[in-house]
Amino acid sequence: MNVSEALKILKENGYKYTSKREMFLELFSNERRYLTAKDVLEYMKPSYPGLSFDTIYRNLSVFTELGIVEETELDGEKHFRFSCATKGHHHHIICLQCGKTNAIEACPMKDITPDDFVITDHKFEIYGYCQQCQ
């Protein structure tokens, strides 16, 4: 995902272009880690001093619904990142220190799920410390 693709998805779904949304998306484009709403607020506050958490969460909700960003929960708080460029089914390895995230294509679900059970959705994430943070 990149900013142009994200803006195109927004437009195709009836959402207007705004410089605020573009700046929001540029932040996600420049990061390889999950971000919190607080991270977004700190980044955007100098340019948009009146920006509220409500506006940030509203946009994050839209971006998640449209598949522009992916969501996870770390330490009881929602974190977001641009949807992976990796196509197809995959999971993530997430550094607990810096938040850097890498896609992994292996999936353990076939090995651990009984044959008589139909999976409708799942999420598999591995948490630890990257080489730089160890």
Protein backbone atom coordinates (compact mmCIF):
# COMPACT_ATOMS: atom_id res chain seq x y z
CA MET A 1 0.00 0.00 0.00
CA ASN A 2 1.18 3.52 -0.71
CA VAL A 3 -0.37 6.98 -0.37
CA SER A 4 -1.61 7.15 -3.98
CA GLU A 5 -3.29 3.74 -3.73
CA ALA A 6 -4.87 4.67 -0.40
CA LEU A 7 -6.22 7.97 -1.74
CA LYS A 8 -7.63 6.15 -4.77
CA ILE A 9 -9.42 3.64 -2.49
CA LEU A 10 -10.87 6.52 -0.45
CA LYS A 11 -12.11 8.29 -3.60
CA GLU A 12 -13.62 5.09 -5.03
CA ASN A 13 -15.56 4.67 -1.79
CA GLY A 14 -16.96 8.22 -1.72
CA TYR A 15 -14.49 9.85 0.68
CA LYS A 16 -13.08 13.27 -0.14
CA TYR A 17 -9.42 14.09 -0.55
CA THR A 18 -8.11 16.33 2.21
CA SER A 19 -4.56 17.43 2.93
CA LYS A 20 -5.08 16.14 6.47
CA ARG A 21 -5.87 12.64 5.21
CA GLU A 22 -2.90 12.74 2.87
CA MET A 23 -0.57 13.74 5.72
CA PHE A 24 -2.09 11.00 7.86
CA LEU A 25 -1.40 8.44 5.12
CA GLU A 26 2.13 9.75 4.53
CA LEU A 27 2.94 9.00 8.16
CA PHE A 28 1.88 5.37 7.69
CA SER A 29 3.74 5.17 4.40
CA ASN A 30 6.99 6.27 6.06
CA GLU A 31 6.81 3.74 8.91
CA ARG A 32 7.49 -0.02 8.97
CA ARG A 33 5.89 -0.40 12.37
CA TYR A 34 2.50 -0.23 14.02
CA LEU A 35 1.43 3.22 15.23
CA THR A 36 -1.03 4.31 17.90
CA ALA A 37 -3.53 7.14 17.68
CA LYS A 38 -1.19 9.05 20.01
CA ASP A 39 1.67 8.63 17.50
CA VAL A 40 -0.57 10.07 14.79
CA LEU A 41 -1.64 12.99 16.99
CA GLU A 42 1.97 13.87 17.91
CA TYR A 43 2.99 13.79 14.24
CA MET A 44 0.07 15.89 12.99
CA LYS A 45 -0.44 18.31 15.89
CA PRO A 46 2.14 20.89 14.69
CA SER A 47 0.31 21.21 11.34
CA TYR A 48 -3.21 20.75 12.74
CA PRO A 49 -3.26 22.09 16.34
CA GLY A 50 -7.03 21.55 16.70
CA LEU A 51 -6.88 17.88 15.69
CA SER A 52 -8.69 15.58 18.11
CA PHE A 53 -8.48 11.90 18.97
CA ASP A 54 -12.06 11.58 17.70
CA THR A 55 -10.95 12.67 14.21
CA ILE A 56 -7.97 10.32 14.31
CA TYR A 57 -10.03 7.33 15.44
CA ARG A 58 -12.77 8.09 12.90
CA ASN A 59 -10.20 8.08 10.07
CA LEU A 60 -8.46 4.97 11.42
CA SER A 61 -11.82 3.21 11.46
CA VAL A 62 -12.50 4.16 7.83
CA PHE A 63 -8.97 3.19 6.76
CA THR A 64 -9.30 -0.19 8.51
CA GLU A 65 -12.73 -0.86 7.02
CA LEU A 66 -11.41 -0.11 3.51
CA GLY A 67 -8.31 -2.29 3.97
CA ILE A 68 -5.88 0.63 3.84
CA VAL A 69 -4.49 -0.08 7.30
CA GLU A 70 -4.25 -3.23 9.40
CA GLU A 71 -5.06 -3.24 13.10
CA THR A 72 -3.64 -5.17 16.00
CA GLU A 73 -3.71 -4.86 19.77
CA LEU A 74 -0.56 -4.52 21.86
CA ASP A 75 -0.69 -4.03 25.63
CA GLY A 76 -4.44 -3.41 25.47
CA GLU A 77 -4.12 -0.56 22.94
CA LYS A 78 -5.00 -0.58 19.26
CA HIS A 79 -2.09 -0.14 16.86
CA PHE A 80 -2.27 0.44 13.11
CA ARG A 81 0.00 0.16 10.06
CA PHE A 82 -0.36 0.37 6.30
CA SER A 83 -1.65 -2.88 4.84
CA CYS A 84 1.20 -5.09 3.74
CA ALA A 85 2.40 -5.19 0.18
CA THR A 86 2.49 -8.96 0.69
CA LYS A 87 -0.41 -10.41 -1.25
CA GLY A 88 -2.40 -13.33 -0.02
CA HIS A 89 -2.63 -14.95 3.37
CA HIS A 90 0.16 -14.04 5.80
CA HIS A 91 0.93 -13.23 9.41
CA HIS A 92 3.37 -10.94 11.25
CA ILE A 93 6.42 -10.89 13.48
CA ILE A 94 6.33 -7.72 15.63
CA CYS A 95 9.18 -6.22 17.68
CA LEU A 96 7.91 -5.20 21.11
CA GLN A 97 10.61 -2.51 21.47
CA CYS A 98 10.61 -0.58 18.18
CA GLY A 99 7.41 -1.94 16.64
CA LYS A 100 9.09 -2.99 13.38
CA THR A 101 6.92 -5.56 11.65
CA ASN A 102 7.71 -8.22 9.07
CA ALA A 103 5.33 -10.46 7.17
CA ILE A 104 5.64 -14.22 7.40
CA GLU A 105 3.88 -16.42 4.90
CA ALA A 106 3.84 -19.63 6.93
CA CYS A 107 0.54 -20.43 8.63
CA PRO A 108 0.20 -23.01 11.44
CA MET A 109 -3.60 -23.28 11.27
CA LYS A 110 -3.69 -26.42 9.08
CA ASP A 111 -1.48 -28.24 11.58
CA ILE A 112 -3.41 -27.32 14.73
CA THR A 113 -7.06 -27.29 13.62
CA PRO A 114 -9.21 -30.44 13.72
CA ASP A 115 -10.46 -31.63 10.31
CA ASP A 116 -14.10 -31.26 11.39
CA PHE A 117 -13.71 -27.55 12.22
CA VAL A 118 -14.31 -24.81 9.62
CA ILE A 119 -12.19 -21.70 10.18
CA THR A 120 -13.83 -18.45 9.13
CA ASP A 121 -11.01 -16.12 10.17
CA HIS A 122 -7.90 -16.02 12.30
CA LYS A 123 -4.94 -13.86 13.22
CA PHE A 124 -1.47 -15.10 14.14
CA GLU A 125 1.22 -12.73 15.40
CA ILE A 126 4.61 -13.45 16.91
CA TYR A 127 6.00 -10.95 19.42
CA GLY A 128 9.62 -10.56 20.43
CA TYR A 129 12.66 -8.37 19.81
CA CYS A 130 14.34 -7.65 16.49
CA GLN A 131 18.10 -7.88 16.12
CA GLN A 132 18.60 -4.13 16.74
CA CYS A 133 16.51 -4.16 19.94
CA GLN A 134 17.86 -7.35 21.55
